[in-house]
Amino acid sequence: MRQLKMLLRLCVLLGVAFVARAEGPPPEARTALIIGNAAYSFAPLKNPINDAEAMAKALEGAGFKVIKETDADQAKMVEAVRTFGAELKQRGGVGLFYFSGHGTQIDGENYLLPVGSEFTSLEDVKRGSLTALAVVDAMASGRSDLNIVILDACRNNPIDPNGAKGLSRIDSNARLFISYATSPGLTALDGEGNNSPYAKYLFQSIDAPNLDIEDTFKRTLKGVYVETHGEQTPWISSTFFGDFVFRPSGEPPSAGEEKAPAETAEPEEAEPKTIDLAGVYRVEGTNPNGSKYRGMVALAQDNDQFNFTWWIGKDVFRGSGHFAGKMLVVNWGDKTPVIYTFGEEGALDGEWADGSATETLDLVANAAPGDIGLSEGSYKVEGKNADGTGYQGDVEITKQGKGYHLTWQVGSSSYEGDGKLAGNLLTVDWGSATPVVYALGEDGSLTGLWDAGKGEETLTPEE
């Protein structure tokens, strides 16, 4: 019996050791600064202290050394940032800053408001607050591979006589991941429960095993959007293309869990500018009512903004999006945003923020980067009709003003159309319900879709 007890005890100890080894410490140092301010004399808030406590617990569980301040005045906030910056210089690794409280923008600068001060003017705010830029600078001066800035500070600020709402956008970089509780220029909710909607879904997502940074904030975005019935949509801005997992379990995710990439921050290997997204795509999706749809999409890039045009049957939709780490978040009118992740062979896999619909964009042809110009002259055309039959012919392209005129000769049939070139995407109206949309390649060829994606053709310059 004694030997049996010893054997059982040994099994328990081995089991504990296995779990500890499976979960393991994070592979890099992690340091977080959390500030939650609620006791404002001019407009007290209900939940920032609770939000700060919940975030501290979640981050400590994810291996972060946490520096926390609640109801901090300006001096304490400044000192906390100084201490935070010093820790990052010493430890390196990953830095995270979370602020819950009042924030406002003045002339494009974001100010995080302390407690214990009376603000009667915008100048008072400038002199008596902490700027978000000061925090970003302190983080950037350290040895961090990744810096995460989380601002749950977009609540309506009664101080500003000009009625400015929310916060302004902070420029990101390859080592900086920024998340706002709501879109820049809009206000977020303090919440009716013990936490703001944003904080609630964020700390729940951080607690979940095997979620990479994009999936963590994607899950947060979806949760907030659904709970607030579309009134609040968190905003993510980042060109960080490395991998980071808050709570790696050491085991592959079970069925239904989000993917779990390796946890190694490698921002230097994946600058977003190397990802060529501009081009022409076929789209296939499922509507919220379960019906299916197909069509084509032209995706143009203007610096860090991506402009989408969908042709679905005879309907045309437009939207614009931005990088959110390894995701694209696209707003298209008053509809729910679409969140795209990068699939294989240039595909974009999309899901509406409320989870009600999905779509996949399959790349047909990339548009060449830079301004290469469209050459006039004769082109050979080879294409495919909607029924799958092929065709061949010739196309003559001539410059007309700011646009181009195309004349097709396919067998005994001829067609004409007028097109405009924008971002190496040529859109040609030729009398049909939908245009032909071509991606201009680096070799001068044009590959496009027509008949809302049912037809396809390539134009090759004749030598």
Protein backbone atom coordinates (compact mmCIF):
# COMPACT_ATOMS: atom_id res chain seq x y z
CA MET A 1 0.00 0.00 0.00
CA ARG A 2 2.84 2.40 0.88
CA GLN A 3 4.51 1.70 -2.46
CA LEU A 4 1.23 2.34 -4.24
CA LYS A 5 0.85 5.72 -2.52
CA MET A 6 4.40 6.65 -3.45
CA LEU A 7 3.74 5.63 -7.03
CA LEU A 8 0.56 7.73 -7.16
CA ARG A 9 2.41 10.71 -5.68
CA LEU A 10 5.16 10.31 -8.27
CA CYS A 11 2.55 10.23 -11.05
CA VAL A 12 0.99 13.44 -9.75
CA LEU A 13 4.37 15.17 -9.60
CA LEU A 14 5.23 14.00 -13.09
CA GLY A 15 1.85 15.23 -14.29
CA VAL A 16 2.44 18.66 -12.76
CA ALA A 17 5.89 18.80 -14.29
CA PHE A 18 4.46 17.88 -17.69
CA VAL A 19 1.81 20.60 -17.50
CA ALA A 20 4.38 23.17 -16.44
CA ARG A 21 6.63 22.15 -19.30
CA ALA A 22 3.71 22.18 -21.78
CA GLU A 23 2.63 25.66 -20.80
CA GLY A 24 6.10 27.00 -20.08
CA PRO A 25 7.24 30.58 -19.64
CA PRO A 26 6.96 32.96 -22.60
CA PRO A 27 10.03 32.91 -24.86
CA GLU A 28 10.63 36.65 -24.40
CA ALA A 29 10.38 39.21 -21.61
CA ARG A 30 6.95 40.83 -21.34
CA THR A 31 6.24 44.14 -19.61
CA ALA A 32 2.93 46.00 -19.34
CA LEU A 33 1.84 49.39 -18.02
CA ILE A 34 -1.83 49.63 -17.10
CA ILE A 35 -3.55 52.88 -16.11
CA GLY A 36 -7.21 53.06 -15.17
CA ASN A 37 -8.67 56.47 -14.29
CA ALA A 38 -12.25 56.87 -13.15
CA ALA A 39 -12.55 59.52 -10.37
CA TYR A 40 -12.73 62.57 -12.62
CA SER A 41 -14.29 65.60 -10.93
CA PHE A 42 -15.87 66.83 -14.16
CA ALA A 43 -17.23 63.52 -15.49
CA PRO A 44 -16.58 60.42 -13.36
CA LEU A 45 -16.55 57.03 -15.05
CA LYS A 46 -17.84 53.74 -13.72
CA ASN A 47 -15.62 51.02 -15.07
CA PRO A 48 -11.95 52.00 -15.70
CA ILE A 49 -10.74 50.67 -12.34
CA ASN A 50 -12.47 47.34 -12.96
CA ASP A 51 -11.09 47.33 -16.50
CA ALA A 52 -7.55 47.93 -15.25
CA GLU A 53 -7.81 45.17 -12.62
CA ALA A 54 -9.17 42.67 -15.15
CA MET A 55 -6.50 43.52 -17.71
CA ALA A 56 -3.74 43.23 -15.10
CA LYS A 57 -4.94 39.77 -14.11
CA ALA A 58 -5.18 38.61 -17.71
CA LEU A 59 -1.74 39.95 -18.63
CA GLU A 60 -0.07 38.53 -15.54
CA GLY A 61 -1.52 35.17 -16.52
CA ALA A 62 0.02 35.67 -19.96
CA GLY A 63 3.50 36.16 -18.47
CA PHE A 64 3.66 39.96 -18.31
CA LYS A 65 5.35 41.90 -15.54
CA VAL A 66 2.63 44.46 -14.81
CA ILE A 67 3.03 48.04 -13.63
CA LYS A 68 -0.41 49.33 -12.61
CA GLU A 69 -1.76 52.74 -11.63
CA THR A 70 -5.38 53.59 -10.86
CA ASP A 71 -6.90 57.05 -10.42
CA ALA A 72 -3.48 58.50 -11.15
CA ASP A 73 -2.72 62.19 -11.30
CA GLN A 74 -0.40 63.62 -13.94
CA ALA A 75 2.76 63.15 -11.89
CA LYS A 76 2.00 59.47 -11.24
CA MET A 77 1.19 58.88 -14.90
CA VAL A 78 4.43 60.51 -16.06
CA GLU A 79 6.47 58.58 -13.49
CA ALA A 80 4.78 55.30 -14.45
CA VAL A 81 5.69 55.87 -18.10
CA ARG A 82 9.28 56.64 -17.12
CA THR A 83 9.49 53.41 -15.10
CA PHE A 84 7.86 51.48 -17.94
CA GLY A 85 10.34 52.82 -20.48
CA ALA A 86 13.27 51.94 -18.22
CA GLU A 87 11.97 48.37 -17.85
CA LEU A 88 11.70 48.00 -21.62
CA LYS A 89 15.25 49.27 -22.10
CA GLN A 90 16.50 46.72 -19.60
CA ARG A 91 14.34 43.71 -20.46
CA GLY A 92 13.40 44.14 -24.14
CA GLY A 93 10.90 41.63 -25.47
CA VAL A 94 7.28 42.76 -25.70
CA GLY A 95 5.83 45.95 -24.24
CA LEU A 96 2.12 46.64 -23.74
CA PHE A 97 0.39 49.84 -22.64
CA TYR A 98 -3.30 49.90 -21.68
CA PHE A 99 -5.22 53.03 -20.69
CA SER A 100 -8.85 53.17 -19.59
CA GLY A 101 -10.33 56.57 -18.88
CA HIS A 102 -11.00 59.91 -20.51
CA GLY A 103 -9.04 60.88 -23.58
CA THR A 104 -9.38 63.62 -26.14
CA GLN A 105 -7.71 64.87 -29.29
CA ILE A 106 -6.54 68.42 -29.81
CA ASP A 107 -5.08 69.40 -33.17
CA GLY A 108 -4.47 65.76 -34.00
CA GLU A 109 -2.65 64.97 -30.73
CA ASN A 110 -4.13 62.46 -28.27
CA TYR A 111 -4.22 63.43 -24.59
CA LEU A 112 -4.84 60.89 -21.81
CA LEU A 113 -6.41 62.71 -18.88
CA PRO A 114 -5.27 62.28 -15.26
CA VAL A 115 -7.53 62.59 -12.24
CA GLY A 116 -7.22 65.29 -9.60
CA SER A 117 -7.05 68.18 -12.08
CA GLU A 118 -9.57 70.81 -13.06
CA PHE A 119 -9.65 71.40 -16.80
CA THR A 120 -11.32 74.63 -17.87
CA SER A 121 -9.70 75.03 -21.29
CA LEU A 122 -7.93 73.09 -24.00
CA GLU A 123 -4.66 74.65 -22.88
CA ASP A 124 -5.25 73.14 -19.43
CA VAL A 125 -5.63 69.75 -21.08
CA LYS A 126 -2.40 70.17 -23.06
CA ARG A 127 -0.41 71.21 -20.00
CA GLY A 128 -1.97 68.84 -17.50
CA SER A 129 -2.31 65.54 -19.38
CA LEU A 130 -0.17 62.72 -20.71
CA THR A 131 0.14 62.45 -24.48
CA ALA A 132 -0.20 59.07 -26.13
CA LEU A 133 2.83 60.01 -28.21
CA ALA A 134 4.93 60.27 -25.05
CA VAL A 135 4.05 56.67 -24.24
CA VAL A 136 4.80 55.50 -27.78
CA ASP A 137 8.16 57.30 -27.68
CA ALA A 138 9.05 55.72 -24.33
CA MET A 139 8.24 52.27 -25.73
CA ALA A 140 10.14 52.91 -28.96
CA SER A 141 13.27 53.90 -27.06
CA GLY A 142 13.41 50.46 -25.44
CA ARG A 143 14.66 47.18 -26.91
CA SER A 144 11.22 45.76 -27.59
CA ASP A 145 10.56 43.49 -30.56
CA LEU A 146 6.86 44.37 -30.36
CA ASN A 147 5.00 47.25 -28.69
CA ILE A 148 1.23 47.02 -28.17
CA VAL A 149 -0.74 50.18 -27.39
CA ILE A 150 -4.36 49.76 -26.28
CA LEU A 151 -6.47 52.88 -25.79
CA ASP A 152 -9.85 52.35 -24.17
CA ALA A 153 -9.96 56.13 -23.91
CA CYS A 154 -12.42 57.20 -26.55
CA ARG A 155 -15.28 58.18 -24.28
CA ASN A 156 -17.04 61.48 -24.94
CA ASN A 157 -15.12 64.30 -23.31
CA PRO A 158 -17.27 67.20 -22.03
CA ILE A 159 -14.23 69.49 -21.72
CA ASP A 160 -13.79 70.21 -25.41
CA PRO A 161 -15.97 73.20 -26.44
CA ASN A 162 -15.40 72.32 -30.10
CA GLY A 163 -17.13 68.98 -29.68
CA ALA A 164 -14.18 66.87 -30.82
CA LYS A 165 -14.92 63.20 -30.22
CA GLY A 166 -12.71 60.22 -29.59
CA LEU A 167 -9.06 60.03 -30.48
CA SER A 168 -7.04 60.62 -33.62
CA ARG A 169 -5.16 57.90 -35.41
CA ILE A 170 -1.56 57.17 -34.41
CA ASP A 171 0.81 56.15 -37.20
CA SER A 172 1.93 52.57 -36.78
CA ASN A 173 5.09 50.77 -37.83
CA ALA A 174 6.46 47.24 -38.14
CA ARG A 175 7.02 46.96 -34.36
CA LEU A 176 3.90 48.77 -33.17
CA PHE A 177 0.40 47.30 -32.82
CA ILE A 178 -2.30 49.82 -31.88
CA SER A 179 -5.88 49.11 -30.87
CA TYR A 180 -8.58 51.63 -30.04
CA ALA A 181 -11.85 50.86 -28.29
CA THR A 182 -13.62 52.39 -31.28
CA SER A 183 -12.86 54.00 -34.62
CA PRO A 184 -10.84 57.24 -34.59
CA GLY A 185 -13.07 60.27 -34.14
CA LEU A 186 -15.90 58.27 -32.55
CA THR A 187 -16.83 57.59 -28.92
CA ALA A 188 -16.90 54.33 -27.02
CA LEU A 189 -19.18 53.09 -24.25
CA ASP A 190 -18.27 52.86 -20.56
CA GLY A 191 -20.67 49.92 -20.27
CA GLU A 192 -23.60 49.01 -18.06
CA GLY A 193 -21.89 46.07 -16.37
CA ASN A 194 -18.66 45.87 -14.41
CA ASN A 195 -16.50 46.50 -17.48
CA SER A 196 -16.60 48.44 -20.70
CA PRO A 197 -17.64 46.25 -23.66
CA TYR A 198 -14.17 46.62 -25.14
CA ALA A 199 -12.27 45.68 -21.99
CA LYS A 200 -14.56 42.73 -21.32
CA TYR A 201 -13.98 41.06 -24.65
CA LEU A 202 -10.31 41.98 -24.72
CA PHE A 203 -9.33 40.39 -21.41
CA GLN A 204 -11.47 37.33 -22.23
CA SER A 205 -9.62 36.98 -25.53
CA ILE A 206 -6.22 37.41 -23.89
CA ASP A 207 -7.14 34.63 -21.46
CA ALA A 208 -7.98 32.22 -24.30
CA PRO A 209 -5.20 29.76 -25.21
CA ASN A 210 -3.41 29.71 -28.55
CA LEU A 211 -4.79 32.96 -29.98
CA ASP A 212 -2.30 35.00 -31.96
CA ILE A 213 -2.42 38.77 -31.68
CA GLU A 214 -4.67 39.25 -34.72
CA ASP A 215 -7.20 36.64 -33.59
CA THR A 216 -7.21 38.12 -30.09
CA PHE A 217 -8.22 41.53 -31.34
CA LYS A 218 -10.47 40.09 -34.05
CA ARG A 219 -12.44 38.21 -31.41
CA THR A 220 -12.60 41.43 -29.36
CA LEU A 221 -13.84 43.42 -32.34
CA LYS A 222 -16.58 40.92 -33.12
CA GLY A 223 -17.72 40.71 -29.50
CA VAL A 224 -17.97 44.48 -29.08
CA TYR A 225 -19.68 44.95 -32.42
CA VAL A 226 -22.35 42.36 -31.64
CA GLU A 227 -22.96 43.48 -28.04
CA THR A 228 -23.33 47.16 -29.01
CA HIS A 229 -25.47 46.33 -32.08
CA GLY A 230 -22.96 47.99 -34.35
CA GLU A 231 -22.80 51.20 -32.30
CA GLN A 232 -19.13 50.61 -31.46
CA THR A 233 -16.48 49.02 -33.67
CA PRO A 234 -12.95 48.70 -32.27
CA TRP A 235 -10.20 49.95 -34.57
CA ILE A 236 -6.90 48.18 -35.10
CA SER A 237 -3.92 49.75 -36.83
CA SER A 238 -0.69 47.89 -37.38
CA THR A 239 1.88 46.87 -39.93
CA PHE A 240 3.40 44.31 -37.56
CA PHE A 241 3.64 41.06 -39.50
CA GLY A 242 5.43 38.91 -36.96
CA ASP A 243 3.83 36.23 -34.79
CA PHE A 244 2.82 36.72 -31.19
CA VAL A 245 0.60 34.57 -28.95
CA PHE A 246 -0.61 35.84 -25.58
CA ARG A 247 -1.13 32.42 -23.95
CA PRO A 248 0.54 29.57 -25.85
CA SER A 249 -0.52 26.28 -24.27
CA GLY A 250 2.20 24.18 -25.86
CA GLU A 251 -0.52 22.07 -27.48
CA PRO A 252 -2.28 22.42 -30.83
CA PRO A 253 -5.73 24.06 -30.62
CA SER A 254 -8.70 21.75 -30.39
CA ALA A 255 -11.37 21.65 -33.08
CA GLY A 256 -13.09 25.00 -33.41
CA GLU A 257 -10.28 26.98 -31.79
CA GLU A 258 -8.43 29.69 -33.58
CA LYS A 259 -5.06 28.88 -35.18
CA ALA A 260 -1.92 28.99 -33.07
CA PRO A 261 1.20 30.07 -34.94
CA ALA A 262 4.63 29.95 -33.41
CA GLU A 263 5.27 32.74 -30.93
CA THR A 264 8.27 34.60 -32.28
CA ALA A 265 8.18 38.30 -33.02
CA GLU A 266 9.85 38.81 -36.39
CA PRO A 267 8.82 42.25 -37.63
CA GLU A 268 11.90 42.63 -39.77
CA GLU A 269 10.92 39.70 -42.00
CA ALA A 270 7.49 40.79 -43.08
CA GLU A 271 7.10 44.41 -43.97
CA PRO A 272 3.54 44.82 -45.31
CA LYS A 273 4.75 46.67 -48.39
CA THR A 274 6.07 43.33 -49.68
CA ILE A 275 2.54 41.92 -49.75
CA ASP A 276 1.07 42.73 -53.14
CA LEU A 277 -2.72 42.99 -52.73
CA ALA A 278 -3.74 45.38 -55.51
CA GLY A 279 -5.37 43.49 -58.34
CA VAL A 280 -8.45 41.75 -59.67
CA TYR A 281 -10.24 39.02 -57.71
CA ARG A 282 -13.15 36.64 -58.09
CA VAL A 283 -15.42 36.72 -55.08
CA GLU A 284 -17.66 34.01 -53.69
CA GLY A 285 -19.62 34.45 -50.50
CA THR A 286 -22.59 33.68 -48.31
CA ASN A 287 -25.11 36.35 -47.27
CA PRO A 288 -26.56 36.59 -43.76
CA ASN A 289 -29.73 34.86 -45.02
CA GLY A 290 -27.70 31.90 -46.28
CA SER A 291 -27.94 32.72 -49.97
CA LYS A 292 -24.81 32.45 -52.10
CA TYR A 293 -23.30 35.11 -54.34
CA ARG A 294 -20.47 35.44 -56.84
CA GLY A 295 -18.85 38.39 -58.55
CA MET A 296 -15.59 40.25 -59.04
CA VAL A 297 -13.57 42.74 -57.03
CA ALA A 298 -11.06 45.42 -57.95
CA LEU A 299 -8.66 46.15 -55.08
CA ALA A 300 -6.52 49.29 -55.32
CA GLN A 301 -3.90 50.50 -52.84
CA ASP A 302 -3.23 54.12 -51.90
CA ASN A 303 -0.35 54.15 -49.40
CA ASP A 304 -1.76 52.36 -46.33
CA GLN A 305 -5.39 52.46 -47.49
CA PHE A 306 -7.02 49.79 -49.62
CA ASN A 307 -10.00 50.65 -51.81
CA PHE A 308 -12.44 47.89 -52.78
CA THR A 309 -15.06 47.81 -55.52
CA TRP A 310 -17.37 44.79 -55.70
CA TRP A 311 -19.53 43.88 -58.69
CA ILE A 312 -22.11 41.33 -57.54
CA GLY A 313 -24.53 40.70 -60.38
CA LYS A 314 -25.71 44.16 -61.38
CA ASP A 315 -24.99 45.66 -57.94
CA VAL A 316 -21.88 47.70 -57.16
CA PHE A 317 -20.47 48.16 -53.63
CA ARG A 318 -17.48 50.18 -52.47
CA GLY A 319 -15.40 50.19 -49.31
CA SER A 320 -12.03 51.10 -47.86
CA GLY A 321 -9.79 49.21 -45.49
CA HIS A 322 -6.54 49.31 -43.55
CA PHE A 323 -3.99 46.85 -42.21
CA ALA A 324 -4.61 45.42 -38.77
CA GLY A 325 -1.54 43.26 -38.34
CA LYS A 326 -2.05 40.31 -40.64
CA MET A 327 -5.64 41.30 -41.32
CA LEU A 328 -7.51 43.84 -43.44
CA VAL A 329 -10.49 45.55 -41.83
CA VAL A 330 -12.79 46.96 -44.51
CA ASN A 331 -15.72 49.33 -44.00
CA TRP A 332 -18.30 49.53 -46.75
CA GLY A 333 -21.05 52.05 -46.01
CA ASP A 334 -23.47 51.37 -43.20
CA LYS A 335 -22.90 47.62 -43.32
CA THR A 336 -20.88 45.64 -40.80
CA PRO A 337 -17.11 45.74 -41.47
CA VAL A 338 -15.49 42.78 -43.21
CA ILE A 339 -12.35 41.31 -41.66
CA TYR A 340 -10.04 39.58 -44.13
CA THR A 341 -7.17 37.26 -43.34
CA PHE A 342 -4.56 36.15 -45.85
CA GLY A 343 -5.11 32.77 -47.44
CA GLU A 344 -3.08 30.69 -49.86
CA GLU A 345 -2.01 31.86 -53.32
CA GLY A 346 -3.03 35.47 -52.68
CA ALA A 347 -6.58 34.71 -51.53
CA LEU A 348 -8.35 36.85 -48.91
CA ASP A 349 -10.72 35.07 -46.54
CA GLY A 350 -13.35 37.45 -45.18
CA GLU A 351 -15.90 37.40 -42.38
CA TRP A 352 -18.37 40.09 -41.36
CA ALA A 353 -17.68 41.51 -37.91
CA ASP A 354 -21.00 40.21 -36.61
CA GLY A 355 -20.23 36.72 -37.93
CA SER A 356 -23.34 36.67 -40.12
CA ALA A 357 -21.63 36.33 -43.53
CA THR A 358 -18.41 35.18 -45.15
CA GLU A 359 -16.65 35.61 -48.47
CA THR A 360 -13.45 34.61 -50.22
CA LEU A 361 -11.56 36.69 -52.74
CA ASP A 362 -9.49 34.54 -55.12
CA LEU A 363 -6.69 36.41 -56.84
CA VAL A 364 -6.86 36.43 -60.63
CA ALA A 365 -4.05 38.92 -61.31
CA ASN A 366 -1.98 41.39 -59.33
CA ALA A 367 -1.59 44.97 -60.53
CA ALA A 368 2.00 46.09 -60.98
CA PRO A 369 3.41 48.34 -58.25
CA GLY A 370 4.41 51.85 -59.20
CA ASP A 371 3.40 53.91 -62.22
CA ILE A 372 4.43 51.85 -65.27
CA GLY A 373 1.96 53.39 -67.73
CA LEU A 374 -0.37 51.70 -70.24
CA SER A 375 0.99 51.44 -73.76
CA GLU A 376 -1.12 52.27 -76.79
CA GLY A 377 -1.19 49.83 -79.67
CA SER A 378 -2.33 46.37 -80.69
CA TYR A 379 -2.87 43.51 -78.29
CA LYS A 380 -3.68 39.84 -78.71
CA VAL A 381 -6.69 38.78 -76.69
CA GLU A 382 -7.39 35.34 -75.31
CA GLY A 383 -10.39 34.79 -73.10
CA LYS A 384 -13.06 32.58 -71.68
CA ASN A 385 -16.83 33.11 -71.81
CA ALA A 386 -19.21 32.55 -68.94
CA ASP A 387 -20.10 29.11 -70.34
CA GLY A 388 -16.45 28.07 -70.38
CA THR A 389 -15.90 28.33 -74.11
CA GLY A 390 -12.75 30.08 -75.24
CA TYR A 391 -12.17 32.88 -77.71
CA GLN A 392 -9.29 34.73 -79.36
CA GLY A 393 -8.95 38.01 -81.19
CA ASP A 394 -7.30 41.41 -81.27
CA VAL A 395 -7.70 44.63 -79.29
CA GLU A 396 -6.58 48.12 -80.22
CA ILE A 397 -5.92 50.52 -77.33
CA THR A 398 -5.68 54.26 -77.97
CA LYS A 399 -5.28 57.17 -75.55
CA GLN A 400 -8.23 59.59 -75.44
CA GLY A 401 -7.81 62.54 -73.08
CA LYS A 402 -7.31 61.15 -69.58
CA GLY A 403 -8.76 57.79 -70.56
CA TYR A 404 -8.39 55.00 -73.09
CA HIS A 405 -10.51 53.67 -75.94
CA LEU A 406 -10.56 49.93 -76.63
CA THR A 407 -11.76 48.21 -79.79
CA TRP A 408 -12.11 44.43 -79.73
CA GLN A 409 -12.28 42.23 -82.83
CA VAL A 410 -13.27 38.68 -81.90
CA GLY A 411 -14.13 36.59 -84.94
CA SER A 412 -16.78 38.46 -86.88
CA SER A 413 -17.86 40.47 -83.82
CA SER A 414 -16.48 43.83 -82.75
CA TYR A 415 -16.92 45.71 -79.48
CA GLU A 416 -15.87 49.13 -78.17
CA GLY A 417 -15.37 50.58 -74.73
CA ASP A 418 -13.86 53.46 -72.79
CA GLY A 419 -11.70 52.96 -69.76
CA LYS A 420 -9.92 54.76 -66.94
CA LEU A 421 -6.62 53.69 -65.41
CA ALA A 422 -6.20 54.10 -61.65
CA GLY A 423 -3.48 52.42 -59.64
CA ASN A 424 -2.69 50.08 -62.57
CA LEU A 425 -6.30 48.92 -62.62
CA LEU A 426 -8.13 49.61 -65.89
CA THR A 427 -11.93 49.72 -65.68
CA VAL A 428 -13.63 49.67 -69.08
CA ASP A 429 -17.31 50.31 -69.76
CA TRP A 430 -18.31 48.55 -72.95
CA GLY A 431 -22.11 48.68 -72.94
CA SER A 432 -22.75 45.73 -70.64
CA ALA A 433 -24.27 45.83 -67.15
CA THR A 434 -20.82 45.40 -65.62
CA PRO A 435 -17.43 46.63 -66.87
CA VAL A 436 -14.27 44.77 -67.75
CA VAL A 437 -11.68 45.26 -65.00
CA TYR A 438 -8.03 44.60 -65.84
CA ALA A 439 -4.91 44.43 -63.72
CA LEU A 440 -1.94 45.92 -65.58
CA GLY A 441 1.07 43.65 -65.08
CA GLU A 442 4.73 44.60 -64.97
CA ASP A 443 5.20 43.06 -68.43
CA GLY A 444 2.54 45.39 -69.88
CA SER A 445 -0.13 42.70 -70.23
CA LEU A 446 -3.69 43.16 -68.98
CA THR A 447 -5.56 40.37 -67.21
CA GLY A 448 -9.20 41.00 -66.38
CA LEU A 449 -12.67 39.81 -65.51
CA TRP A 450 -15.98 40.68 -67.09
CA ASP A 451 -19.66 39.72 -66.75
CA ALA A 452 -19.34 40.12 -62.96
CA GLY A 453 -16.49 37.64 -62.86
CA LYS A 454 -18.01 34.97 -65.09
CA GLY A 455 -15.76 35.83 -68.03
CA GLU A 456 -11.99 36.27 -68.10
CA GLU A 457 -9.47 37.52 -70.65
CA THR A 458 -5.84 38.49 -71.08
CA LEU A 459 -4.49 41.15 -73.43
CA THR A 460 -0.86 40.70 -74.51
CA PRO A 461 0.99 43.50 -76.37
CA GLU A 462 1.98 42.59 -79.89
CA GLU A 463 5.68 42.95 -80.64
